[in-house]
Amino acid sequence: MDSDGLGRVLIVAGVVAIVVGLLVRVGALGWFGNLPGDIRIESDRTRVFIPVTSMVIVSVVLSVLLSLLRR
């Protein structure tokens, strides 16, 4: 990948990070992490959270975005 292509990827990644940050800030992603399949174990002294379903969604979205960027 040449420096021009790398520059584009970094700019797109920055824009995506800003958009996701804004969505989190306004509460539009409140459902994320509370999906069926996300494992949450809580006791008096311990909390464990394993976001299985949420991470599958992130993986699919990133795979689609990266395949579109490669074309």
PDB file of N, CA and C in Angstrom:
ATOM      1  N   MET A   1       0.845  -1.166   0.000  1.00  0.00           N
ATOM      2  CA  MET A   1       0.000   0.000   0.000  1.00  0.00           C
ATOM      3  C   MET A   1       0.894   1.233   0.000  1.00  0.00           C
ATOM      4  N   ASP A   2       0.643   2.141  -0.918  1.00  0.00           N
ATOM      5  CA  ASP A   2       1.441   3.357  -0.974  1.00  0.00           C
ATOM      6  C   ASP A   2       0.990   4.355   0.084  1.00  0.00           C
ATOM      7  N   SER A   3       1.712   5.437   0.226  1.00  0.00           N
ATOM      8  CA  SER A   3       1.412   6.403   1.284  1.00  0.00           C
ATOM      9  C   SER A   3       0.077   7.101   1.051  1.00  0.00           C
ATOM     10  N   ASP A   4      -0.334   7.260  -0.206  1.00  0.00           N
ATOM     11  CA  ASP A   4      -1.625   7.891  -0.497  1.00  0.00           C
ATOM     12  C   ASP A   4      -2.777   7.004  -0.018  1.00  0.00           C
ATOM     13  N   GLY A   5      -2.681   5.716  -0.267  1.00  0.00           N
ATOM     14  CA  GLY A   5      -3.710   4.778   0.188  1.00  0.00           C
ATOM     15  C   GLY A   5      -3.766   4.691   1.700  1.00  0.00           C
ATOM     16  N   LEU A   6      -2.607   4.683   2.334  1.00  0.00           N
ATOM     17  CA  LEU A   6      -2.556   4.641   3.796  1.00  0.00           C
ATOM     18  C   LEU A   6      -3.165   5.903   4.390  1.00  0.00           C
ATOM     19  N   GLY A   7      -2.904   7.034   3.762  1.00  0.00           N
ATOM     20  CA  GLY A   7      -3.478   8.292   4.219  1.00  0.00           C
ATOM     21  C   GLY A   7      -4.997   8.267   4.160  1.00  0.00           C
ATOM     22  N   ARG A   8      -5.548   7.733   3.093  1.00  0.00           N
ATOM     23  CA  ARG A   8      -7.007   7.626   2.958  1.00  0.00           C
ATOM     24  C   ARG A   8      -7.591   6.721   4.034  1.00  0.00           C
ATOM     25  N   VAL A   9      -6.954   5.598   4.279  1.00  0.00           N
ATOM     26  CA  VAL A   9      -7.438   4.667   5.300  1.00  0.00           C
ATOM     27  C   VAL A   9      -7.433   5.329   6.672  1.00  0.00           C
ATOM     28  N   LEU A  10      -6.376   6.065   6.987  1.00  0.00           N
ATOM     29  CA  LEU A  10      -6.304   6.746   8.281  1.00  0.00           C
ATOM     30  C   LEU A  10      -7.362   7.839   8.408  1.00  0.00           C
ATOM     31  N   ILE A  11      -7.625   8.566   7.334  1.00  0.00           N
ATOM     32  CA  ILE A  11      -8.664   9.598   7.363  1.00  0.00           C
ATOM     33  C   ILE A  11     -10.031   8.978   7.565  1.00  0.00           C
ATOM     34  N   VAL A  12     -10.326   7.905   6.843  1.00  0.00           N
ATOM     35  CA  VAL A  12     -11.616   7.231   6.984  1.00  0.00           C
ATOM     36  C   VAL A  12     -11.769   6.671   8.396  1.00  0.00           C
ATOM     37  N   ALA A  13     -10.712   6.073   8.920  1.00  0.00           N
ATOM     38  CA  ALA A  13     -10.773   5.521  10.280  1.00  0.00           C
ATOM     39  C   ALA A  13     -11.027   6.644  11.299  1.00  0.00           C
ATOM     40  N   GLY A  14     -10.417   7.793  11.100  1.00  0.00           N
ATOM     41  CA  GLY A  14     -10.640   8.920  11.987  1.00  0.00           C
ATOM     42  C   GLY A  14     -12.067   9.434  11.931  1.00  0.00           C
ATOM     43  N   VAL A  15     -12.613   9.540  10.722  1.00  0.00           N
ATOM     44  CA  VAL A  15     -13.996   9.999  10.565  1.00  0.00           C
ATOM     45  C   VAL A  15     -14.962   9.009  11.208  1.00  0.00           C
ATOM     46  N   VAL A  16     -14.718   7.721  11.007  1.00  0.00           N
ATOM     47  CA  VAL A  16     -15.576   6.698  11.621  1.00  0.00           C
ATOM     48  C   VAL A  16     -15.493   6.782  13.138  1.00  0.00           C
ATOM     49  N   ALA A  17     -14.305   6.978  13.687  1.00  0.00           N
ATOM     50  CA  ALA A  17     -14.146   7.085  15.139  1.00  0.00           C
ATOM     51  C   ALA A  17     -14.903   8.301  15.681  1.00  0.00           C
ATOM     52  N   ILE A  18     -14.858   9.406  14.953  1.00  0.00           N
ATOM     53  CA  ILE A  18     -15.577  10.607  15.388  1.00  0.00           C
ATOM     54  C   ILE A  18     -17.085  10.371  15.356  1.00  0.00           C
ATOM     55  N   VAL A  19     -17.581   9.752  14.281  1.00  0.00           N
ATOM     56  CA  VAL A  19     -19.021   9.493  14.167  1.00  0.00           C
ATOM     57  C   VAL A  19     -19.484   8.555  15.274  1.00  0.00           C
ATOM     58  N   VAL A  20     -18.748   7.485  15.524  1.00  0.00           N
ATOM     59  CA  VAL A  20     -19.121   6.551  16.589  1.00  0.00           C
ATOM     60  C   VAL A  20     -19.069   7.247  17.944  1.00  0.00           C
ATOM     61  N   GLY A  21     -18.073   8.090  18.164  1.00  0.00           N
ATOM     62  CA  GLY A  21     -17.981   8.837  19.409  1.00  0.00           C
ATOM     63  C   GLY A  21     -19.175   9.761  19.613  1.00  0.00           C
ATOM     64  N   LEU A  22     -19.598  10.419  18.553  1.00  0.00           N
ATOM     65  CA  LEU A  22     -20.776  11.283  18.646  1.00  0.00           C
ATOM     66  C   LEU A  22     -22.039  10.481  18.923  1.00  0.00           C
ATOM     67  N   LEU A  23     -22.168   9.321  18.286  1.00  0.00           N
ATOM     68  CA  LEU A  23     -23.338   8.476  18.525  1.00  0.00           C
ATOM     69  C   LEU A  23     -23.378   7.986  19.976  1.00  0.00           C
ATOM     70  N   VAL A  24     -22.241   7.644  20.515  1.00  0.00           N
ATOM     71  CA  VAL A  24     -22.182   7.211  21.915  1.00  0.00           C
ATOM     72  C   VAL A  24     -22.520   8.382  22.830  1.00  0.00           C
ATOM     73  N   ARG A  25     -22.023   9.547  22.498  1.00  0.00           N
ATOM     74  CA  ARG A  25     -22.247  10.740  23.321  1.00  0.00           C
ATOM     75  C   ARG A  25     -23.721  11.112  23.420  1.00  0.00           C
ATOM     76  N   VAL A  26     -24.467  11.004  22.303  1.00  0.00           N
ATOM     77  CA  VAL A  26     -25.878  11.371  22.318  1.00  0.00           C
ATOM     78  C   VAL A  26     -26.772  10.220  22.756  1.00  0.00           C
ATOM     79  N   GLY A  27     -26.204   9.047  22.963  1.00  0.00           N
ATOM     80  CA  GLY A  27     -26.977   7.911  23.464  1.00  0.00           C
ATOM     81  C   GLY A  27     -27.613   7.058  22.389  1.00  0.00           C
ATOM     82  N   ALA A  28     -27.217   7.245  21.140  1.00  0.00           N
ATOM     83  CA  ALA A  28     -27.809   6.481  20.050  1.00  0.00           C
ATOM     84  C   ALA A  28     -27.349   5.021  20.050  1.00  0.00           C
ATOM     85  N   LEU A  29     -26.306   4.716  20.769  1.00  0.00           N
ATOM     86  CA  LEU A  29     -25.812   3.334  20.830  1.00  0.00           C
ATOM     87  C   LEU A  29     -26.053   2.719  22.201  1.00  0.00           C
ATOM     88  N   GLY A  30     -27.127   3.118  22.873  1.00  0.00           N
ATOM     89  CA  GLY A  30     -27.443   2.595  24.192  1.00  0.00           C
ATOM     90  C   GLY A  30     -27.773   1.114  24.183  1.00  0.00           C
ATOM     91  N   TRP A  31     -28.212   0.610  23.048  1.00  0.00           N
ATOM     92  CA  TRP A  31     -28.550  -0.808  22.917  1.00  0.00           C
ATOM     93  C   TRP A  31     -27.297  -1.671  22.848  1.00  0.00           C
ATOM     94  N   PHE A  32     -26.172  -1.079  22.447  1.00  0.00           N
ATOM     95  CA  PHE A  32     -24.953  -1.843  22.259  1.00  0.00           C
ATOM     96  C   PHE A  32     -24.443  -2.338  23.603  1.00  0.00           C
ATOM     97  N   GLY A  33     -24.230  -3.631  23.707  1.00  0.00           N
ATOM     98  CA  GLY A  33     -23.779  -4.232  24.951  1.00  0.00           C
ATOM     99  C   GLY A  33     -24.923  -4.800  25.770  1.00  0.00           C
ATOM    100  N   ASN A  34     -26.146  -4.575  25.326  1.00  0.00           N
ATOM    101  CA  ASN A  34     -27.316  -5.103  26.022  1.00  0.00           C
ATOM    102  C   ASN A  34     -28.115  -6.036  25.124  1.00  0.00           C
ATOM    103  N   LEU A  35     -27.459  -6.670  24.195  1.00  0.00           N
ATOM    104  CA  LEU A  35     -28.127  -7.556  23.246  1.00  0.00           C
ATOM    105  C   LEU A  35     -28.272  -8.958  23.814  1.00  0.00           C
ATOM    106  N   PRO A  36     -29.266  -9.706  23.310  1.00  0.00           N
ATOM    107  CA  PRO A  36     -29.355 -11.121  23.704  1.00  0.00           C
ATOM    108  C   PRO A  36     -28.072 -11.838  23.256  1.00  0.00           C
ATOM    109  N   GLY A  37     -27.479 -12.577  24.111  1.00  0.00           N
ATOM    110  CA  GLY A  37     -26.236 -13.265  23.791  1.00  0.00           C
ATOM    111  C   GLY A  37     -25.029 -12.619  24.442  1.00  0.00           C
ATOM    112  N   ASP A  38     -25.178 -11.378  24.896  1.00  0.00           N
ATOM    113  CA  ASP A  38     -24.120 -10.742  25.676  1.00  0.00           C
ATOM    114  C   ASP A  38     -24.209 -11.288  27.098  1.00  0.00           C
ATOM    115  N   ILE A  39     -23.103 -11.803  27.598  1.00  0.00           N
ATOM    116  CA  ILE A  39     -23.103 -12.478  28.888  1.00  0.00           C
ATOM    117  C   ILE A  39     -22.739 -11.487  29.989  1.00  0.00           C
ATOM    118  N   ARG A  40     -23.573 -11.414  31.001  1.00  0.00           N
ATOM    119  CA  ARG A  40     -23.356 -10.515  32.133  1.00  0.00           C
ATOM    120  C   ARG A  40     -23.539 -11.330  33.414  1.00  0.00           C
ATOM    121  N   ILE A  41     -22.471 -11.433  34.190  1.00  0.00           N
ATOM    122  CA  ILE A  41     -22.505 -12.165  35.453  1.00  0.00           C
ATOM    123  C   ILE A  41     -22.163 -11.175  36.566  1.00  0.00           C
ATOM    124  N   GLU A  42     -23.082 -11.023  37.515  1.00  0.00           N
ATOM    125  CA  GLU A  42     -22.852 -10.084  38.612  1.00  0.00           C
ATOM    126  C   GLU A  42     -23.082 -10.776  39.944  1.00  0.00           C
ATOM    127  N   SER A  43     -22.171 -10.532  40.870  1.00  0.00           N
ATOM    128  CA  SER A  43     -22.339 -10.987  42.249  1.00  0.00           C
ATOM    129  C   SER A  43     -22.028  -9.803  43.155  1.00  0.00           C
ATOM    130  N   ASP A  44     -21.942 -10.052  44.430  1.00  0.00           N
ATOM    131  CA  ASP A  44     -21.698  -8.956  45.372  1.00  0.00           C
ATOM    132  C   ASP A  44     -20.352  -8.265  45.130  1.00  0.00           C
ATOM    133  N   ARG A  45     -19.339  -9.039  44.815  1.00  0.00           N
ATOM    134  CA  ARG A  45     -17.995  -8.480  44.713  1.00  0.00           C
ATOM    135  C   ARG A  45     -17.420  -8.512  43.306  1.00  0.00           C
ATOM    136  N   THR A  46     -18.104  -9.156  42.370  1.00  0.00           N
ATOM    137  CA  THR A  46     -17.522  -9.358  41.043  1.00  0.00           C
ATOM    138  C   THR A  46     -18.549  -9.054  39.959  1.00  0.00           C
ATOM    139  N   ARG A  47     -18.071  -8.431  38.891  1.00  0.00           N
ATOM    140  CA  ARG A  47     -18.892  -8.234  37.696  1.00  0.00           C
ATOM    141  C   ARG A  47     -18.089  -8.680  36.489  1.00  0.00           C
ATOM    142  N   VAL A  48     -18.698  -9.528  35.663  1.00  0.00           N
ATOM    143  CA  VAL A  48     -18.058 -10.010  34.440  1.00  0.00           C
ATOM    144  C   VAL A  48     -19.008  -9.733  33.294  1.00  0.00           C
ATOM    145  N   PHE A  49     -18.478  -9.120  32.240  1.00  0.00           N
ATOM    146  CA  PHE A  49     -19.279  -8.810  31.063  1.00  0.00           C
ATOM    147  C   PHE A  49     -18.547  -9.318  29.835  1.00  0.00           C
ATOM    148  N   ILE A  50     -19.199 -10.191  29.065  1.00  0.00           N
ATOM    149  CA  ILE A  50     -18.613 -10.752  27.846  1.00  0.00           C
ATOM    150  C   ILE A  50     -19.577 -10.438  26.702  1.00  0.00           C
ATOM    151  N   PRO A  51     -19.265  -9.418  25.876  1.00  0.00           N
ATOM    152  CA  PRO A  51     -20.177  -8.968  24.828  1.00  0.00           C
ATOM    153  C   PRO A  51     -20.078  -9.808  23.549  1.00  0.00           C
ATOM    154  N   VAL A  52     -20.532 -11.034  23.595  1.00  0.00           N
ATOM    155  CA  VAL A  52     -20.399 -11.956  22.467  1.00  0.00           C
ATOM    156  C   VAL A  52     -21.149 -11.436  21.245  1.00  0.00           C
ATOM    157  N   THR A  53     -22.437 -11.188  21.377  1.00  0.00           N
ATOM    158  CA  THR A  53     -23.255 -10.760  20.242  1.00  0.00           C
ATOM    159  C   THR A  53     -22.804  -9.399  19.726  1.00  0.00           C
ATOM    160  N   SER A  54     -22.496  -8.500  20.615  1.00  0.00           N
ATOM    161  CA  SER A  54     -22.060  -7.168  20.204  1.00  0.00           C
ATOM    162  C   SER A  54     -20.773  -7.238  19.383  1.00  0.00           C
ATOM    163  N   MET A  55     -19.848  -8.087  19.779  1.00  0.00           N
ATOM    164  CA  MET A  55     -18.590  -8.187  19.052  1.00  0.00           C
ATOM    165  C   MET A  55     -18.766  -8.889  17.697  1.00  0.00           C
ATOM    166  N   VAL A  56     -19.738  -9.797  17.605  1.00  0.00           N
ATOM    167  CA  VAL A  56     -20.037 -10.409  16.311  1.00  0.00           C
ATOM    168  C   VAL A  56     -20.553  -9.335  15.352  1.00  0.00           C
ATOM    169  N   ILE A  57     -21.410  -8.443  15.844  1.00  0.00           N
ATOM    170  CA  ILE A  57     -21.922  -7.354  15.006  1.00  0.00           C
ATOM    171  C   ILE A  57     -20.788  -6.428  14.583  1.00  0.00           C
ATOM    172  N   VAL A  58     -19.894  -6.079  15.496  1.00  0.00           N
ATOM    173  CA  VAL A  58     -18.752  -5.234  15.157  1.00  0.00           C
ATOM    174  C   VAL A  58     -17.887  -5.912  14.100  1.00  0.00           C
ATOM    175  N   SER A  59     -17.661  -7.199  14.235  1.00  0.00           N
ATOM    176  CA  SER A  59     -16.844  -7.935  13.269  1.00  0.00           C
ATOM    177  C   SER A  59     -17.468  -7.931  11.887  1.00  0.00           C
ATOM    178  N   VAL A  60     -18.770  -8.156  11.814  1.00  0.00           N
ATOM    179  CA  VAL A  60     -19.454  -8.164  10.514  1.00  0.00           C
ATOM    180  C   VAL A  60     -19.395  -6.781   9.869  1.00  0.00           C
ATOM    181  N   VAL A  61     -19.674  -5.743  10.645  1.00  0.00           N
ATOM    182  CA  VAL A  61     -19.653  -4.383  10.099  1.00  0.00           C
ATOM    183  C   VAL A  61     -18.256  -4.011   9.618  1.00  0.00           C
ATOM    184  N   LEU A  62     -17.233  -4.317  10.401  1.00  0.00           N
ATOM    185  CA  LEU A  62     -15.866  -4.014   9.976  1.00  0.00           C
ATOM    186  C   LEU A  62     -15.453  -4.814   8.749  1.00  0.00           C
ATOM    187  N   SER A  63     -15.879  -6.066   8.653  1.00  0.00           N
ATOM    188  CA  SER A  63     -15.563  -6.876   7.480  1.00  0.00           C
ATOM    189  C   SER A  63     -16.193  -6.287   6.224  1.00  0.00           C
ATOM    190  N   VAL A  64     -17.436  -5.846   6.335  1.00  0.00           N
ATOM    191  CA  VAL A  64     -18.107  -5.238   5.183  1.00  0.00           C
ATOM    192  C   VAL A  64     -17.424  -3.932   4.797  1.00  0.00           C
ATOM    193  N   LEU A  65     -17.113  -3.093   5.781  1.00  0.00           N
ATOM    194  CA  LEU A  65     -16.452  -1.819   5.479  1.00  0.00           C
ATOM    195  C   LEU A  65     -15.084  -2.021   4.840  1.00  0.00           C
ATOM    196  N   LEU A  66     -14.310  -2.949   5.373  1.00  0.00           N
ATOM    197  CA  LEU A  66     -12.979  -3.192   4.810  1.00  0.00           C
ATOM    198  C   LEU A  66     -13.051  -3.794   3.411  1.00  0.00           C
ATOM    199  N   SER A  67     -14.037  -4.635   3.161  1.00  0.00           N
ATOM    200  CA  SER A  67     -14.159  -5.193   1.810  1.00  0.00           C
ATOM    201  C   SER A  67     -14.593  -4.114   0.824  1.00  0.00           C
ATOM    202  N   LEU A  68     -15.395  -3.148   1.264  1.00  0.00           N
ATOM    203  CA  LEU A  68     -15.772  -2.028   0.392  1.00  0.00           C
ATOM    204  C   LEU A  68     -14.585  -1.097   0.138  1.00  0.00           C
ATOM    205  N   LEU A  69     -13.749  -0.900   1.156  1.00  0.00           N
ATOM    206  CA  LEU A  69     -12.577  -0.043   0.987  1.00  0.00           C
ATOM    207  C   LEU A  69     -11.539  -0.663   0.058  1.00  0.00           C
ATOM    208  N   ARG A  70     -11.464  -1.974   0.012  1.00  0.00           N
ATOM    209  CA  ARG A  70     -10.477  -2.651  -0.837  1.00  0.00           C
ATOM    210  C   ARG A  70     -10.807  -2.534  -2.325  1.00  0.00           C
ATOM    211  N   ARG A  71     -12.074  -2.337  -2.643  1.00  0.00           N
ATOM    212  CA  ARG A  71     -12.490  -2.249  -4.045  1.00  0.00           C
ATOM    213  C   ARG A  71     -12.192  -0.924  -4.658  1.00  0.00           C
TER     214      ARG A  71
END
